[in-house]
Amino acid sequence: MGNGYLQLQCVFSCWNEETGIVTKRRPERDFVEQAKMFCQCLSSVNLIPSFPQHRAEIHYAKEHRCVIKIIGPSLSDEISGTDPTKDPMPIVICVPSSNSDDAILTCQIVNELHMSIWRILKAHPVNIDRQKRGEPPVNVCLLRGCSMAINVPSFEAQHGLKALLIAPTPIIAGIGKTVGLSLLKAPGATGTLDTDMFSKAKVAMDALFTNSFDMAVIHIKCVDDCGHDGDAEGKINALQRVDDMVKWILNYPEIESGEHIIAVTGDHSTPINVSDHTSEPVPFVVSLTKGSLKGHPTLFDEVSCSSGVLGRFVGSSVMTILKNLRTNYQALQNPQPD
């Protein structure tokens, strides 16, 4: 992103145009090829003809998701989206969150964009075939997460650490790129249930010890997907695979023989009985590859981790905790008796 760009995270969804209700925010997970066809079709059309100074670009992201970039003068991110965030709920009209002329103009553009996409998608062959099969049409693109480029200090400038990131999920990769993390690709890493976690771990560890990085961040998305789908069996399987990946990392030669810190956590809860994000505290565990920390939990779950010595803390404290452990590593290997 940059000046003159507005970017929106988007999802192809099912909308009942007669009632105005979004009946399914997420069509089936296997919607990759259809979503790519939609993006290709929409890219060939002027989606905002009433605004000749502006243009919209649409790019496929993953599964049923895409990214829309609006380019032109006088844009603002002080607007709502059109995503009701839950279904079945009425679709939302984009409204300004400030009284600025730029915000009002941007809402007009976004609302025209929304209607243009709906008119095209409802007549698309994919949806004609779906209706013949008695399936709801995926006829709308919910626009959300409106944002513009921001100037932030790099991760290295902020924390004094050179870090790499493995994250096939576009939004996570985008955050990493914004703060200057080195984005690496791992073969077979998809961000979905079929992702190759060992490939992610291998690429991260090889780069960590051959390219003078101080820190590696490995993001796993499929656990969250299973929560959204209410898939208990899939979520258990995904967590077991994460366990296996962490064990592989602990047995990596340089990790096993060196002095390193490993942390495992999540950024939010997605319970299977809710199928959406919730606000409970997430578990956080950190360990030394040599020595041990006092008061550490033996299980990685919300209840066990809450009894650890770190207690409850805000996410902005994570890097402070990790850097303090790094600074005091030697002393922590040989803690003094009480």
Foldseek 3Di string as FASTA:
>chain_A
DAPQKKKWKKFQFFADPVVQWGAGRADDQPCFVVLVVLLVVVQVDQQQVVDVQKGKHWADQHRRIIMIMIGGPLADLQKFWQDPQDPRDGTRQIDGNDPDPSRVVNSVRRNSSFVSQLVVQCPDPVQVVCVVVVHGGSRTMTTGDIDDQDQDAAPCVVQVFQEAEEDSRVVVVVVNVSRPHHYDYFPQAHLELRRDLLSQLVVQVVCCPPVVGPYYYYDHRHLLVCLLVLNPVSNVVVVVVVVVNVVVNLPDVCNLPDWDKDKDKDDFDRHSVNSHTDHDDIAMFMAISAAGAPQGFPDHGDVRRCRRPVHDDDPVCVSVVRVVCVVCVVCRRPDDDD
